[in-house]
Amino acid sequence: MRAPEPRLAPTPADSRFELVSEFQPRGDQPAALAELVQGIRRGDMTQVLLGVTGSGKTFTMASVLAEVNRPALILAHNKTLAAQLYQEFRGFFPKNAVEYFVSYYDYYQPEAYVPQSDTYIDKEAIINDEIDRMRLSATRSLFERRDVLIVASVSCIYGLGSPESYYGMLLFVRQGEALDRRDLLAKLVEARYDRNDFDLRRGTFRVRGDVIEIVPAYEETGIRIELFGDEVEAITSFDPLTGKSLGRLAQVAIYPSSHYVTPQPKLQDALKTIEAELIEE
């Protein structure tokens, strides 16, 4: 008799920060920890934690987060320090959503014009695919969880488009519910997923009869949706490389493949406005 596949349960929205460390607060740390926690609960806008290198400031802040149990944004002034802090906080909170949000450009050359030589320099950029995935994962965690800690560079202060448009294009799929296959494929395309029946990679999907396989832009695993007519028969997490099933899901939320998405009604309104302006000119 075949053993049932494991079911992957979603993380509860009220999950707490769980600090994992062999260290305990020592020296001035307990007093600093208590003061910082009290300041947060009082609603103090700013607080400063002073300490020399190696004095345990990161551990102290991790202890504060575990105590107050609130989502947090850790800002670093460059990518190198952000990466270091990300690794440290992942070690302190292995069971929570510790995310990384920095600029996804490995190289960026803005367009420029040199009048002395009448030279135009075209814009050139190289995007890091893994960092792009981590940025989208950070966005997803903010929508789904409370136990979120995001380590970021100043890249996070720049606009990413409309949160309402992004969330409005979220696709929910639940086992046992009615779902039109054509409607699902149309929504995936609208959410900036590319159909590729041969090379299944991040941000793509493929269709094999009534089976739709999707690799979300923010995940390293794929989602397999099996339909029976217009009903969702099964939802499975799988390894895109081997195709091996990793467990069954009762429901899944599929977020857009890019932060820069525009719903079709808004796009049509923009096109009408552009056409009207062209006629006026």
Protein backbone atom coordinates (compact mmCIF):
# COMPACT_ATOMS: atom_id res chain seq x y z
CA MET A 1 0.00 0.00 0.00
CA ARG A 2 1.36 3.41 -1.00
CA ALA A 3 2.13 5.79 1.87
CA PRO A 4 0.25 9.12 1.71
CA GLU A 5 2.28 12.12 0.58
CA PRO A 6 3.18 14.66 3.29
CA ARG A 7 1.05 17.76 3.32
CA LEU A 8 2.81 21.09 3.57
CA ALA A 9 0.97 23.34 6.01
CA PRO A 10 1.23 27.13 5.63
CA THR A 11 2.98 29.05 8.41
CA PRO A 12 0.47 30.51 10.91
CA ALA A 13 0.04 34.25 10.51
CA ASP A 14 0.61 34.78 14.26
CA SER A 15 3.98 32.94 14.40
CA ARG A 16 6.40 34.32 16.98
CA PHE A 17 10.08 35.09 16.56
CA GLU A 18 12.00 32.19 18.04
CA LEU A 19 15.59 33.10 18.91
CA VAL A 20 18.03 30.20 18.53
CA SER A 21 21.42 30.85 20.11
CA GLU A 22 23.91 29.29 22.49
CA PHE A 23 24.61 32.75 23.91
CA GLN A 24 22.90 34.49 26.82
CA PRO A 25 22.88 38.25 27.49
CA ARG A 26 25.93 39.20 29.54
CA GLY A 27 27.55 42.34 30.96
CA ASP A 28 25.69 45.47 29.84
CA GLN A 29 23.48 43.56 27.43
CA PRO A 30 20.58 42.77 29.83
CA ALA A 31 20.23 46.45 30.77
CA ALA A 32 20.44 47.58 27.14
CA LEU A 33 17.93 44.92 26.12
CA ALA A 34 15.42 45.97 28.80
CA GLU A 35 15.79 49.67 27.90
CA LEU A 36 15.32 49.09 24.19
CA VAL A 37 12.23 46.94 24.73
CA GLN A 38 10.70 49.54 27.06
CA GLY A 39 11.42 52.29 24.51
CA ILE A 40 9.66 50.38 21.73
CA ARG A 41 6.63 49.73 23.92
CA ARG A 42 6.52 53.41 24.93
CA GLY A 43 6.51 54.37 21.28
CA ASP A 44 9.90 56.12 21.23
CA MET A 45 10.70 57.16 17.65
CA THR A 46 14.48 56.78 17.94
CA GLN A 47 16.90 54.83 20.11
CA VAL A 48 20.65 54.32 19.80
CA LEU A 49 22.58 51.21 20.80
CA LEU A 50 26.30 51.94 21.20
CA GLY A 51 29.05 49.34 21.33
CA VAL A 52 32.46 48.49 19.92
CA THR A 53 32.92 45.86 17.20
CA GLY A 54 32.34 42.38 18.60
CA SER A 55 30.35 43.53 21.63
CA GLY A 56 27.20 41.63 20.59
CA LYS A 57 25.02 44.41 19.17
CA THR A 58 23.47 42.09 16.55
CA PHE A 59 22.64 39.50 19.21
CA THR A 60 21.15 42.24 21.41
CA MET A 61 18.89 43.42 18.57
CA ALA A 62 17.87 39.84 17.82
CA SER A 63 16.91 39.46 21.49
CA VAL A 64 14.87 42.68 21.29
CA LEU A 65 12.97 41.37 18.23
CA ALA A 66 12.25 38.07 19.96
CA GLU A 67 10.91 39.96 22.99
CA VAL A 68 8.66 42.50 21.21
CA ASN A 69 7.67 40.05 18.41
CA ARG A 70 7.16 42.64 15.66
CA PRO A 71 8.09 42.66 11.96
CA ALA A 72 11.37 44.52 11.49
CA LEU A 73 13.39 46.25 8.79
CA ILE A 74 17.18 46.24 9.21
CA LEU A 75 18.85 48.89 7.03
CA ALA A 76 22.52 48.67 6.07
CA HIS A 77 24.47 51.27 4.12
CA ASN A 78 25.93 48.81 1.60
CA LYS A 79 25.38 45.32 0.16
CA THR A 80 28.39 43.80 1.93
CA LEU A 81 27.17 44.69 5.41
CA ALA A 82 23.58 43.75 4.46
CA ALA A 83 24.74 40.27 3.40
CA GLN A 84 26.67 39.82 6.65
CA LEU A 85 23.68 40.86 8.77
CA TYR A 86 21.36 38.64 6.72
CA GLN A 87 23.50 35.56 7.46
CA GLU A 88 23.72 36.42 11.17
CA PHE A 89 19.98 36.97 11.59
CA ARG A 90 19.20 33.78 9.65
CA GLY A 91 21.33 31.96 12.21
CA PHE A 92 19.43 33.56 15.09
CA PHE A 93 15.95 33.00 13.54
CA PRO A 94 16.11 29.79 11.44
CA LYS A 95 12.37 29.11 11.84
CA ASN A 96 11.22 32.61 10.90
CA ALA A 97 11.08 34.60 7.65
CA VAL A 98 14.45 36.36 7.45
CA GLU A 99 14.57 38.00 4.00
CA TYR A 100 17.12 39.92 1.92
CA PHE A 101 16.24 43.01 -0.12
CA VAL A 102 19.02 44.84 -1.96
CA SER A 103 19.50 46.18 -5.48
CA TYR A 104 19.43 43.35 -8.00
CA TYR A 105 21.98 45.00 -10.31
CA ASP A 106 25.40 43.37 -10.49
CA TYR A 107 26.41 46.12 -12.89
CA TYR A 108 24.64 49.32 -13.90
CA GLN A 109 25.79 51.95 -16.37
CA PRO A 110 23.30 54.82 -16.82
CA GLU A 111 22.92 56.41 -20.23
CA ALA A 112 25.08 59.47 -20.75
CA TYR A 113 26.16 62.00 -23.37
CA VAL A 114 29.67 63.45 -23.67
CA PRO A 115 29.32 66.73 -25.64
CA GLN A 116 33.09 67.22 -26.09
CA SER A 117 33.32 64.12 -28.29
CA ASP A 118 29.64 63.97 -29.31
CA THR A 119 29.47 60.50 -27.76
CA TYR A 120 26.30 58.81 -26.55
CA ILE A 121 26.73 56.00 -23.98
CA ASP A 122 23.82 53.58 -23.92
CA LYS A 123 22.40 52.27 -20.66
CA GLU A 124 23.70 48.84 -19.68
CA ALA A 125 22.71 46.64 -16.76
CA ILE A 126 23.25 43.10 -15.52
CA ILE A 127 20.56 41.75 -13.16
CA ASN A 128 21.35 39.11 -10.54
CA ASP A 129 18.62 36.49 -10.88
CA GLU A 130 19.03 35.09 -7.35
CA ILE A 131 18.78 38.53 -5.70
CA ASP A 132 15.67 39.25 -7.78
CA ARG A 133 14.15 36.03 -6.40
CA MET A 134 15.01 37.06 -2.83
CA ARG A 135 13.43 40.51 -3.31
CA LEU A 136 10.18 38.91 -4.47
CA SER A 137 10.36 36.43 -1.59
CA ALA A 138 10.62 39.34 0.84
CA THR A 139 7.48 40.92 -0.64
CA ARG A 140 5.60 37.63 -0.39
CA SER A 141 6.57 37.19 3.28
CA LEU A 142 5.29 40.68 4.12
CA PHE A 143 1.87 39.77 2.75
CA GLU A 144 1.67 36.35 4.43
CA ARG A 145 3.44 36.49 7.78
CA ARG A 146 4.03 38.52 10.93
CA ASP A 147 7.36 36.94 11.92
CA VAL A 148 9.25 38.79 9.17
CA LEU A 149 12.67 40.39 9.40
CA ILE A 150 13.97 42.05 6.23
CA VAL A 151 17.62 43.01 5.90
CA ALA A 152 17.95 45.68 3.22
CA SER A 153 20.16 48.31 1.69
CA VAL A 154 18.88 51.78 0.71
CA SER A 155 17.37 50.04 -2.34
CA CYS A 156 14.25 49.41 -0.23
CA ILE A 157 13.35 53.13 -0.02
CA TYR A 158 12.63 53.39 -3.76
CA GLY A 159 9.14 52.84 -5.16
CA LEU A 160 8.09 49.44 -6.50
CA GLY A 161 4.83 50.37 -8.10
CA SER A 162 1.38 50.06 -6.58
CA PRO A 163 0.95 47.56 -3.70
CA GLU A 164 -2.76 47.42 -4.54
CA SER A 165 -2.05 46.40 -8.14
CA TYR A 166 0.50 43.80 -7.03
CA TYR A 167 -1.81 42.24 -4.45
CA GLY A 168 -4.79 42.53 -6.80
CA MET A 169 -3.07 40.17 -9.25
CA LEU A 170 -2.49 37.52 -6.58
CA LEU A 171 -3.90 34.16 -7.66
CA PHE A 172 -5.42 31.81 -5.06
CA VAL A 173 -5.85 28.13 -5.89
CA ARG A 174 -7.59 25.71 -3.49
CA GLN A 175 -8.04 21.98 -3.78
CA GLY A 176 -11.61 20.98 -4.59
CA GLU A 177 -12.64 24.39 -5.94
CA ALA A 178 -13.82 25.10 -9.47
CA LEU A 179 -11.15 26.61 -11.72
CA ASP A 180 -11.30 27.25 -15.46
CA ARG A 181 -8.05 26.16 -17.14
CA ARG A 182 -8.03 28.96 -19.71
CA ASP A 183 -8.75 31.55 -17.04
CA LEU A 184 -5.82 30.25 -14.95
CA LEU A 185 -3.41 30.44 -17.90
CA ALA A 186 -4.58 33.97 -18.79
CA LYS A 187 -4.04 35.16 -15.21
CA LEU A 188 -0.55 33.65 -15.12
CA VAL A 189 0.39 35.53 -18.29
CA GLU A 190 -1.09 38.74 -16.87
CA ALA A 191 1.03 38.22 -13.73
CA ARG A 192 4.15 38.25 -15.97
CA TYR A 193 4.77 34.49 -16.07
CA ASP A 194 6.10 33.11 -19.37
CA ARG A 195 4.88 29.85 -20.86
CA ASN A 196 7.76 27.51 -21.61
CA ASP A 197 6.91 23.83 -22.16
CA PHE A 198 10.56 22.79 -22.51
CA ASP A 199 12.74 24.77 -20.08
CA LEU A 200 10.91 25.16 -16.76
CA ARG A 201 12.68 27.79 -14.68
CA ARG A 202 11.89 30.62 -12.28
CA GLY A 203 9.03 32.80 -13.51
CA THR A 204 7.74 30.29 -16.08
CA PHE A 205 4.97 27.69 -16.38
CA ARG A 206 4.17 24.77 -18.64
CA VAL A 207 1.00 22.93 -19.55
CA ARG A 208 0.58 19.18 -20.08
CA GLY A 209 -3.09 18.43 -20.63
CA ASP A 210 -4.88 19.13 -17.35
CA VAL A 211 -1.61 19.52 -15.41
CA ILE A 212 -0.12 23.02 -15.01
CA GLU A 213 3.37 23.31 -13.54
CA ILE A 214 4.54 26.71 -12.28
CA VAL A 215 7.85 27.86 -10.82
CA PRO A 216 7.05 31.03 -8.85
CA ALA A 217 9.53 33.87 -9.26
CA TYR A 218 10.16 33.92 -5.50
CA GLU A 219 10.60 30.16 -4.92
CA GLU A 220 13.19 27.49 -5.63
CA THR A 221 10.48 24.82 -5.81
CA GLY A 222 7.60 24.46 -8.25
CA ILE A 223 3.83 24.10 -7.90
CA ARG A 224 1.93 21.41 -9.82
CA ILE A 225 -1.82 21.97 -10.23
CA GLU A 226 -3.80 18.95 -11.44
CA LEU A 227 -7.29 19.54 -12.80
CA PHE A 228 -10.17 17.13 -13.30
CA GLY A 229 -12.42 18.97 -15.68
CA ASP A 230 -12.98 22.37 -14.06
CA GLU A 231 -12.09 21.19 -10.55
CA VAL A 232 -8.73 21.37 -8.79
CA GLU A 233 -7.97 17.74 -8.03
CA ALA A 234 -4.55 18.13 -6.41
CA ILE A 235 -1.88 20.74 -5.65
CA THR A 236 1.68 19.50 -5.22
CA SER A 237 5.04 21.07 -4.47
CA PHE A 238 7.83 19.59 -6.62
CA ASP A 239 11.49 19.91 -7.53
CA PRO A 240 11.70 21.63 -10.97
CA LEU A 241 14.97 19.84 -11.80
CA THR A 242 13.92 16.25 -11.05
CA GLY A 243 10.13 16.57 -11.08
CA LYS A 244 10.01 14.74 -7.74
CA SER A 245 7.00 15.52 -5.54
CA LEU A 246 7.88 17.23 -2.24
CA GLY A 247 4.43 17.21 -0.64
CA ARG A 248 0.78 18.06 -1.17
CA LEU A 249 -0.83 21.42 -0.52
CA ALA A 250 -4.43 22.19 0.38
CA GLN A 251 -4.12 25.68 -1.14
CA VAL A 252 -1.54 27.97 -2.66
CA ALA A 253 -1.13 31.68 -3.37
CA ILE A 254 0.76 32.58 -6.55
CA TYR A 255 2.21 36.10 -6.54
CA PRO A 256 3.17 38.06 -9.68
CA SER A 257 6.52 37.37 -11.29
CA SER A 258 7.53 41.03 -11.08
CA HIS A 259 6.94 44.00 -8.77
CA TYR A 260 6.07 46.05 -11.85
CA VAL A 261 2.68 44.70 -12.89
CA THR A 262 -0.39 46.51 -14.20
CA PRO A 263 -3.94 45.10 -14.14
CA GLN A 264 -5.61 44.92 -17.54
CA PRO A 265 -8.34 47.55 -16.79
CA LYS A 266 -5.70 50.07 -15.71
CA LEU A 267 -3.61 49.27 -18.78
CA GLN A 268 -6.61 49.82 -21.08
CA ASP A 269 -7.35 53.18 -19.42
CA ALA A 270 -3.75 54.25 -19.96
CA LEU A 271 -3.89 53.25 -23.64
CA LYS A 272 -7.08 55.29 -24.15
CA THR A 273 -5.44 58.31 -22.52
CA ILE A 274 -2.37 58.00 -24.77
CA GLU A 275 -4.54 57.65 -27.88
CA ALA A 276 -6.56 60.74 -26.89
CA GLU A 277 -3.37 62.77 -26.40
CA LEU A 278 -2.05 61.66 -29.81
CA ILE A 279 -5.27 62.80 -31.50
CA GLU A 280 -5.04 66.21 -29.79
CA GLU A 281 -1.50 66.69 -31.11
